[in-house]
Amino acid sequence: MKSYVETYGFIMWAAALVATAGSLFFSEVLGYEPCEFCWYQRILMYPLVIVYGVSLWKKNLDIALPGLFLSGGGILVSLYHYGMQKVPALSDGGACGVVPCSGQYINYFGFITIPFLAGAAFIIIFTIHMILVRKKRSLES
């Protein structure tokens, strides 16, 4: 089980690190001001770098349980935020602060936006963590 934790733990940590670095690149280098829902996604993503980093360092998935809840919540926030950008009925609220949450700084191929990227990272992290939890349960029984 430890080799799985090392391999998949690194993938979860790397996904969180890349997502965190990406969000900082968008705001600090490119100057894209985050909207309210972008901040919620950051609040849920940034601690994952530490949670999975410590879990990887200690080679213990049990201490990363908060990561499962943070990434699950991040999926929900990202899905709603992506819906605000792509579904007209959800974007009628307009601005959710100074920056409109329905705004799209990037829109590659007509569907890849910043909430899409964050959601993809949350899904990767959540899915791998669930696979590891199920694998651990099957080994214990």
N, C-alpha and C. Protein backbone atom coordinates (compact mmCIF):
# COMPACT_ATOMS: atom_id res chain seq x y z
N MET A 1 0.83 -1.20 0.00
CA MET A 1 0.00 0.00 0.00
C MET A 1 0.87 1.26 0.00
N LYS A 2 2.04 1.19 0.65
CA LYS A 2 2.89 2.38 0.72
C LYS A 2 3.35 2.85 -0.65
N SER A 3 3.62 1.92 -1.56
CA SER A 3 4.05 2.34 -2.89
C SER A 3 2.92 3.06 -3.63
N TYR A 4 1.66 2.61 -3.40
CA TYR A 4 0.52 3.30 -4.00
C TYR A 4 0.40 4.72 -3.44
N VAL A 5 0.58 4.84 -2.13
CA VAL A 5 0.48 6.16 -1.50
C VAL A 5 1.57 7.07 -2.05
N GLU A 6 2.77 6.53 -2.24
CA GLU A 6 3.86 7.35 -2.76
C GLU A 6 3.58 7.79 -4.20
N THR A 7 3.18 6.85 -5.04
CA THR A 7 2.96 7.17 -6.45
C THR A 7 1.75 8.08 -6.63
N TYR A 8 0.60 7.65 -6.14
CA TYR A 8 -0.62 8.42 -6.33
C TYR A 8 -0.64 9.66 -5.45
N GLY A 9 0.01 9.60 -4.30
CA GLY A 9 0.12 10.78 -3.45
C GLY A 9 0.89 11.88 -4.15
N PHE A 10 1.93 11.49 -4.87
CA PHE A 10 2.69 12.48 -5.63
C PHE A 10 1.83 13.10 -6.72
N ILE A 11 1.02 12.29 -7.39
CA ILE A 11 0.15 12.83 -8.44
C ILE A 11 -0.86 13.82 -7.86
N MET A 12 -1.45 13.48 -6.70
CA MET A 12 -2.41 14.40 -6.07
C MET A 12 -1.71 15.69 -5.65
N TRP A 13 -0.54 15.56 -5.05
CA TRP A 13 0.21 16.74 -4.62
C TRP A 13 0.60 17.59 -5.82
N ALA A 14 1.07 16.95 -6.89
CA ALA A 14 1.48 17.69 -8.08
C ALA A 14 0.30 18.40 -8.73
N ALA A 15 -0.87 17.75 -8.77
CA ALA A 15 -2.06 18.40 -9.33
C ALA A 15 -2.43 19.64 -8.52
N ALA A 16 -2.39 19.53 -7.20
CA ALA A 16 -2.69 20.68 -6.35
C ALA A 16 -1.65 21.78 -6.53
N LEU A 17 -0.39 21.40 -6.64
CA LEU A 17 0.68 22.38 -6.81
C LEU A 17 0.57 23.10 -8.15
N VAL A 18 0.30 22.37 -9.21
CA VAL A 18 0.16 22.99 -10.54
C VAL A 18 -1.06 23.91 -10.57
N ALA A 19 -2.17 23.48 -9.97
CA ALA A 19 -3.37 24.33 -9.93
C ALA A 19 -3.11 25.60 -9.12
N THR A 20 -2.42 25.47 -8.01
CA THR A 20 -2.09 26.64 -7.19
C THR A 20 -1.16 27.58 -7.95
N ALA A 21 -0.13 27.03 -8.55
CA ALA A 21 0.81 27.86 -9.33
C ALA A 21 0.09 28.51 -10.52
N GLY A 22 -0.81 27.78 -11.15
CA GLY A 22 -1.56 28.33 -12.27
C GLY A 22 -2.44 29.49 -11.87
N SER A 23 -3.12 29.35 -10.73
CA SER A 23 -3.99 30.45 -10.30
C SER A 23 -3.17 31.67 -9.92
N LEU A 24 -2.02 31.46 -9.31
CA LEU A 24 -1.14 32.59 -8.99
C LEU A 24 -0.56 33.22 -10.25
N PHE A 25 -0.27 32.41 -11.25
CA PHE A 25 0.22 32.93 -12.53
C PHE A 25 -0.83 33.81 -13.19
N PHE A 26 -2.08 33.33 -13.21
CA PHE A 26 -3.15 34.11 -13.82
C PHE A 26 -3.34 35.45 -13.12
N SER A 27 -3.28 35.45 -11.79
CA SER A 27 -3.55 36.70 -11.08
C SER A 27 -2.32 37.60 -10.94
N GLU A 28 -1.18 37.02 -10.61
CA GLU A 28 -0.02 37.85 -10.32
C GLU A 28 0.82 38.20 -11.55
N VAL A 29 0.88 37.31 -12.53
CA VAL A 29 1.69 37.58 -13.72
C VAL A 29 0.85 38.20 -14.83
N LEU A 30 -0.29 37.58 -15.12
CA LEU A 30 -1.14 38.09 -16.19
C LEU A 30 -2.08 39.21 -15.73
N GLY A 31 -2.22 39.37 -14.43
CA GLY A 31 -3.03 40.46 -13.91
C GLY A 31 -4.53 40.22 -13.93
N TYR A 32 -4.97 38.97 -14.05
CA TYR A 32 -6.41 38.66 -14.03
C TYR A 32 -6.89 38.71 -12.59
N GLU A 33 -7.81 39.62 -12.31
CA GLU A 33 -8.32 39.75 -10.96
C GLU A 33 -9.34 38.64 -10.69
N PRO A 34 -9.16 37.86 -9.62
CA PRO A 34 -10.08 36.75 -9.33
C PRO A 34 -11.45 37.26 -8.89
N CYS A 35 -12.48 36.56 -9.33
CA CYS A 35 -13.84 36.87 -8.87
C CYS A 35 -14.08 36.14 -7.54
N GLU A 36 -15.27 36.32 -7.01
CA GLU A 36 -15.59 35.73 -5.71
C GLU A 36 -15.49 34.21 -5.72
N PHE A 37 -16.01 33.56 -6.76
CA PHE A 37 -15.96 32.10 -6.81
C PHE A 37 -14.55 31.59 -7.09
N CYS A 38 -13.73 32.39 -7.77
CA CYS A 38 -12.32 32.03 -7.93
C CYS A 38 -11.64 31.98 -6.57
N TRP A 39 -12.00 32.94 -5.70
CA TRP A 39 -11.43 32.94 -4.36
C TRP A 39 -11.87 31.71 -3.57
N TYR A 40 -13.12 31.32 -3.71
CA TYR A 40 -13.59 30.10 -3.01
C TYR A 40 -12.81 28.88 -3.48
N GLN A 41 -12.56 28.80 -4.79
CA GLN A 41 -11.80 27.67 -5.31
C GLN A 41 -10.36 27.70 -4.80
N ARG A 42 -9.79 28.88 -4.68
CA ARG A 42 -8.44 29.01 -4.13
C ARG A 42 -8.42 28.57 -2.67
N ILE A 43 -9.42 28.97 -1.92
CA ILE A 43 -9.49 28.59 -0.51
C ILE A 43 -9.52 27.08 -0.35
N LEU A 44 -10.16 26.40 -1.29
CA LEU A 44 -10.24 24.94 -1.23
C LEU A 44 -9.01 24.26 -1.84
N MET A 45 -8.32 24.91 -2.78
CA MET A 45 -7.18 24.28 -3.46
C MET A 45 -5.86 24.47 -2.72
N TYR A 46 -5.58 25.66 -2.25
CA TYR A 46 -4.26 25.95 -1.70
C TYR A 46 -3.87 25.04 -0.53
N PRO A 47 -4.78 24.74 0.40
CA PRO A 47 -4.39 23.84 1.49
C PRO A 47 -4.05 22.42 1.02
N LEU A 48 -4.55 22.03 -0.15
CA LEU A 48 -4.28 20.68 -0.64
C LEU A 48 -2.80 20.45 -0.90
N VAL A 49 -2.08 21.50 -1.26
CA VAL A 49 -0.63 21.37 -1.48
C VAL A 49 0.03 20.93 -0.18
N ILE A 50 -0.38 21.53 0.93
CA ILE A 50 0.19 21.18 2.23
C ILE A 50 -0.32 19.82 2.70
N VAL A 51 -1.62 19.59 2.59
CA VAL A 51 -2.21 18.33 3.05
C VAL A 51 -1.56 17.13 2.36
N TYR A 52 -1.50 17.18 1.03
CA TYR A 52 -0.92 16.05 0.30
C TYR A 52 0.60 16.03 0.37
N GLY A 53 1.21 17.18 0.54
CA GLY A 53 2.66 17.22 0.72
C GLY A 53 3.07 16.53 2.02
N VAL A 54 2.37 16.82 3.10
CA VAL A 54 2.66 16.18 4.39
C VAL A 54 2.33 14.69 4.32
N SER A 55 1.22 14.36 3.69
CA SER A 55 0.84 12.96 3.53
C SER A 55 1.90 12.19 2.74
N LEU A 56 2.42 12.79 1.72
CA LEU A 56 3.46 12.17 0.90
C LEU A 56 4.75 12.04 1.70
N TRP A 57 5.09 13.06 2.44
CA TRP A 57 6.31 13.05 3.24
C TRP A 57 6.25 11.97 4.32
N LYS A 58 5.09 11.86 4.98
CA LYS A 58 4.91 10.86 6.04
C LYS A 58 4.54 9.48 5.49
N LYS A 59 4.24 9.41 4.19
CA LYS A 59 3.80 8.16 3.53
C LYS A 59 2.58 7.57 4.24
N ASN A 60 1.63 8.45 4.55
CA ASN A 60 0.44 8.05 5.28
C ASN A 60 -0.77 8.77 4.70
N LEU A 61 -1.62 8.02 4.03
CA LEU A 61 -2.81 8.62 3.41
C LEU A 61 -3.85 9.03 4.44
N ASP A 62 -3.82 8.41 5.61
CA ASP A 62 -4.83 8.70 6.63
C ASP A 62 -4.81 10.16 7.06
N ILE A 63 -3.65 10.79 7.06
CA ILE A 63 -3.60 12.19 7.50
C ILE A 63 -4.07 13.14 6.41
N ALA A 64 -4.35 12.61 5.21
CA ALA A 64 -4.81 13.45 4.10
C ALA A 64 -6.33 13.44 3.95
N LEU A 65 -7.05 12.91 4.92
CA LEU A 65 -8.51 12.85 4.82
C LEU A 65 -9.15 14.21 4.57
N PRO A 66 -8.67 15.30 5.17
CA PRO A 66 -9.27 16.61 4.85
C PRO A 66 -9.20 16.93 3.36
N GLY A 67 -8.20 16.41 2.66
CA GLY A 67 -8.07 16.64 1.24
C GLY A 67 -9.24 16.09 0.45
N LEU A 68 -9.80 15.00 0.92
CA LEU A 68 -10.95 14.41 0.24
C LEU A 68 -12.15 15.35 0.33
N PHE A 69 -12.35 15.95 1.47
CA PHE A 69 -13.48 16.87 1.65
C PHE A 69 -13.24 18.20 0.93
N LEU A 70 -12.01 18.69 0.98
CA LEU A 70 -11.70 19.94 0.28
C LEU A 70 -11.84 19.78 -1.23
N SER A 71 -11.35 18.67 -1.76
CA SER A 71 -11.44 18.47 -3.21
C SER A 71 -12.88 18.19 -3.63
N GLY A 72 -13.65 17.49 -2.81
CA GLY A 72 -15.07 17.27 -3.12
C GLY A 72 -15.84 18.58 -3.14
N GLY A 73 -15.60 19.43 -2.16
CA GLY A 73 -16.23 20.75 -2.14
C GLY A 73 -15.77 21.60 -3.31
N GLY A 74 -14.50 21.47 -3.67
CA GLY A 74 -13.96 22.21 -4.80
C GLY A 74 -14.62 21.83 -6.11
N ILE A 75 -14.94 20.54 -6.26
CA ILE A 75 -15.64 20.10 -7.46
C ILE A 75 -16.98 20.82 -7.57
N LEU A 76 -17.71 20.87 -6.48
CA LEU A 76 -19.04 21.52 -6.49
C LEU A 76 -18.94 23.01 -6.81
N VAL A 77 -17.99 23.68 -6.18
CA VAL A 77 -17.82 25.12 -6.43
C VAL A 77 -17.40 25.35 -7.88
N SER A 78 -16.48 24.55 -8.38
CA SER A 78 -16.02 24.71 -9.77
C SER A 78 -17.14 24.44 -10.77
N LEU A 79 -17.94 23.42 -10.51
CA LEU A 79 -19.06 23.11 -11.41
C LEU A 79 -20.05 24.27 -11.46
N TYR A 80 -20.37 24.81 -10.29
CA TYR A 80 -21.31 25.93 -10.27
C TYR A 80 -20.72 27.16 -10.97
N HIS A 81 -19.46 27.43 -10.70
CA HIS A 81 -18.81 28.59 -11.32
C HIS A 81 -18.73 28.41 -12.83
N TYR A 82 -18.40 27.21 -13.28
CA TYR A 82 -18.36 26.93 -14.71
C TYR A 82 -19.75 27.09 -15.32
N GLY A 83 -20.76 26.65 -14.59
CA GLY A 83 -22.14 26.84 -15.04
C GLY A 83 -22.50 28.30 -15.18
N MET A 84 -22.02 29.13 -14.25
CA MET A 84 -22.27 30.57 -14.33
C MET A 84 -21.67 31.16 -15.60
N GLN A 85 -20.57 30.57 -16.07
CA GLN A 85 -19.93 31.07 -17.29
C GLN A 85 -20.60 30.55 -18.56
N LYS A 86 -21.11 29.34 -18.52
CA LYS A 86 -21.56 28.70 -19.74
C LYS A 86 -23.07 28.54 -19.88
N VAL A 87 -23.81 28.64 -18.78
CA VAL A 87 -25.27 28.49 -18.83
C VAL A 87 -25.90 29.87 -18.60
N PRO A 88 -26.57 30.40 -19.62
CA PRO A 88 -27.12 31.76 -19.49
C PRO A 88 -28.05 31.95 -18.29
N ALA A 89 -28.82 30.95 -17.95
CA ALA A 89 -29.75 31.08 -16.82
C ALA A 89 -29.02 31.26 -15.50
N LEU A 90 -27.82 30.72 -15.37
CA LEU A 90 -27.05 30.85 -14.13
C LEU A 90 -26.25 32.15 -14.08
N SER A 91 -25.99 32.74 -15.23
CA SER A 91 -25.17 33.95 -15.25
C SER A 91 -25.99 35.23 -15.15
N ASP A 92 -27.29 35.12 -15.00
CA ASP A 92 -28.14 36.30 -14.92
C ASP A 92 -27.89 37.15 -13.68
N GLY A 93 -27.24 36.54 -12.67
CA GLY A 93 -26.95 37.28 -11.45
C GLY A 93 -25.98 38.41 -11.66
N GLY A 94 -25.25 38.41 -12.78
CA GLY A 94 -24.29 39.47 -13.07
C GLY A 94 -23.04 39.35 -12.24
N ALA A 95 -22.67 40.43 -11.58
CA ALA A 95 -21.44 40.46 -10.81
C ALA A 95 -21.65 39.87 -9.43
N CYS A 96 -20.66 39.15 -8.97
CA CYS A 96 -20.70 38.63 -7.60
C CYS A 96 -19.55 39.29 -6.85
N GLY A 97 -19.50 40.56 -6.93
CA GLY A 97 -18.42 41.34 -6.35
C GLY A 97 -17.96 42.36 -7.38
N VAL A 98 -16.70 42.74 -7.33
CA VAL A 98 -16.15 43.71 -8.27
C VAL A 98 -16.00 43.09 -9.66
N VAL A 99 -15.54 41.85 -9.71
CA VAL A 99 -15.32 41.15 -10.97
C VAL A 99 -16.50 40.20 -11.21
N PRO A 100 -17.10 40.22 -12.40
CA PRO A 100 -18.23 39.31 -12.66
C PRO A 100 -17.77 37.85 -12.70
N CYS A 101 -18.52 37.00 -12.02
CA CYS A 101 -18.18 35.57 -11.98
C CYS A 101 -18.48 34.88 -13.32
N SER A 102 -19.28 35.51 -14.16
CA SER A 102 -19.58 34.93 -15.46
C SER A 102 -18.54 35.32 -16.51
N GLY A 103 -17.61 36.19 -16.14
CA GLY A 103 -16.57 36.62 -17.06
C GLY A 103 -15.58 35.49 -17.34
N GLN A 104 -14.99 35.53 -18.52
CA GLN A 104 -14.05 34.48 -18.92
C GLN A 104 -12.76 35.12 -19.42
N TYR A 105 -11.73 35.06 -18.58
CA TYR A 105 -10.44 35.58 -18.99
C TYR A 105 -9.83 34.73 -20.10
N ILE A 106 -10.01 33.42 -19.98
CA ILE A 106 -9.56 32.51 -21.03
C ILE A 106 -10.74 31.66 -21.47
N ASN A 107 -10.71 31.22 -22.71
CA ASN A 107 -11.77 30.36 -23.24
C ASN A 107 -11.20 29.57 -24.42
N TYR A 108 -10.35 28.60 -24.10
CA TYR A 108 -9.71 27.80 -25.13
C TYR A 108 -10.66 26.73 -25.65
N PHE A 109 -10.71 26.60 -26.95
CA PHE A 109 -11.54 25.60 -27.63
C PHE A 109 -13.03 25.76 -27.31
N GLY A 110 -13.43 26.91 -26.78
CA GLY A 110 -14.82 27.17 -26.48
C GLY A 110 -15.33 26.58 -25.18
N PHE A 111 -14.44 25.89 -24.43
CA PHE A 111 -14.94 25.31 -23.17
C PHE A 111 -13.91 25.31 -22.04
N ILE A 112 -12.65 25.51 -22.31
CA ILE A 112 -11.65 25.48 -21.25
C ILE A 112 -11.49 26.88 -20.66
N THR A 113 -12.03 27.05 -19.45
CA THR A 113 -11.93 28.31 -18.72
C THR A 113 -11.20 28.05 -17.41
N ILE A 114 -10.97 29.08 -16.64
CA ILE A 114 -10.26 28.92 -15.38
C ILE A 114 -11.03 27.99 -14.42
N PRO A 115 -12.36 28.15 -14.24
CA PRO A 115 -13.07 27.19 -13.38
C PRO A 115 -13.03 25.75 -13.92
N PHE A 116 -12.97 25.59 -15.24
CA PHE A 116 -12.83 24.26 -15.83
C PHE A 116 -11.51 23.64 -15.41
N LEU A 117 -10.43 24.42 -15.48
CA LEU A 117 -9.11 23.93 -15.09
C LEU A 117 -9.07 23.56 -13.61
N ALA A 118 -9.65 24.43 -12.77
CA ALA A 118 -9.69 24.13 -11.34
C ALA A 118 -10.52 22.88 -11.08
N GLY A 119 -11.66 22.78 -11.75
CA GLY A 119 -12.52 21.60 -11.59
C GLY A 119 -11.82 20.33 -12.01
N ALA A 120 -11.05 20.39 -13.10
CA ALA A 120 -10.31 19.21 -13.55
C ALA A 120 -9.30 18.78 -12.49
N ALA A 121 -8.60 19.74 -11.89
CA ALA A 121 -7.64 19.41 -10.84
C ALA A 121 -8.34 18.80 -9.62
N PHE A 122 -9.46 19.39 -9.22
CA PHE A 122 -10.21 18.84 -8.09
C PHE A 122 -10.70 17.42 -8.38
N ILE A 123 -11.17 17.18 -9.59
CA ILE A 123 -11.66 15.84 -9.96
C ILE A 123 -10.52 14.83 -9.95
N ILE A 124 -9.36 15.21 -10.48
CA ILE A 124 -8.20 14.31 -10.46
C ILE A 124 -7.84 13.94 -9.03
N ILE A 125 -7.74 14.95 -8.17
CA ILE A 125 -7.36 14.73 -6.78
C ILE A 125 -8.40 13.86 -6.06
N PHE A 126 -9.67 14.21 -6.20
CA PHE A 126 -10.74 13.47 -5.52
C PHE A 126 -10.79 12.02 -5.99
N THR A 127 -10.70 11.81 -7.30
CA THR A 127 -10.80 10.46 -7.86
C THR A 127 -9.64 9.58 -7.40
N ILE A 128 -8.44 10.10 -7.47
CA ILE A 128 -7.29 9.31 -7.03
C ILE A 128 -7.37 9.01 -5.55
N HIS A 129 -7.79 9.99 -4.76
CA HIS A 129 -7.92 9.76 -3.32
C HIS A 129 -8.96 8.67 -3.04
N MET A 130 -10.08 8.71 -3.74
CA MET A 130 -11.11 7.68 -3.55
C MET A 130 -10.60 6.30 -3.96
N ILE A 131 -9.83 6.23 -5.02
CA ILE A 131 -9.25 4.96 -5.44
C ILE A 131 -8.34 4.41 -4.35
N LEU A 132 -7.53 5.28 -3.76
CA LEU A 132 -6.64 4.84 -2.68
C LEU A 132 -7.41 4.40 -1.44
N VAL A 133 -8.48 5.10 -1.12
CA VAL A 133 -9.30 4.71 0.04
C VAL A 133 -9.93 3.35 -0.20
N ARG A 134 -10.46 3.12 -1.39
CA ARG A 134 -11.07 1.82 -1.71
C ARG A 134 -10.02 0.71 -1.71
N LYS A 135 -8.85 0.99 -2.24
CA LYS A 135 -7.77 0.00 -2.26
C LYS A 135 -7.36 -0.37 -0.84
N LYS A 136 -7.27 0.62 0.01
CA LYS A 136 -6.90 0.37 1.41
C LYS A 136 -7.96 -0.49 2.09
N ARG A 137 -9.22 -0.18 1.84
CA ARG A 137 -10.30 -0.97 2.45
C ARG A 137 -10.27 -2.41 1.96
N SER A 138 -10.00 -2.61 0.68
CA SER A 138 -9.97 -3.98 0.15
C SER A 138 -8.79 -4.75 0.69
N LEU A 139 -7.67 -4.08 0.96
CA LEU A 139 -6.52 -4.76 1.55
C LEU A 139 -6.75 -5.11 3.01
N GLU A 140 -7.53 -4.28 3.70
CA GLU A 140 -7.80 -4.53 5.11
C GLU A 140 -8.81 -5.66 5.34
N SER A 141 -9.68 -5.88 4.36
CA SER A 141 -10.70 -6.93 4.57
C SER A 141 -10.33 -8.24 3.95
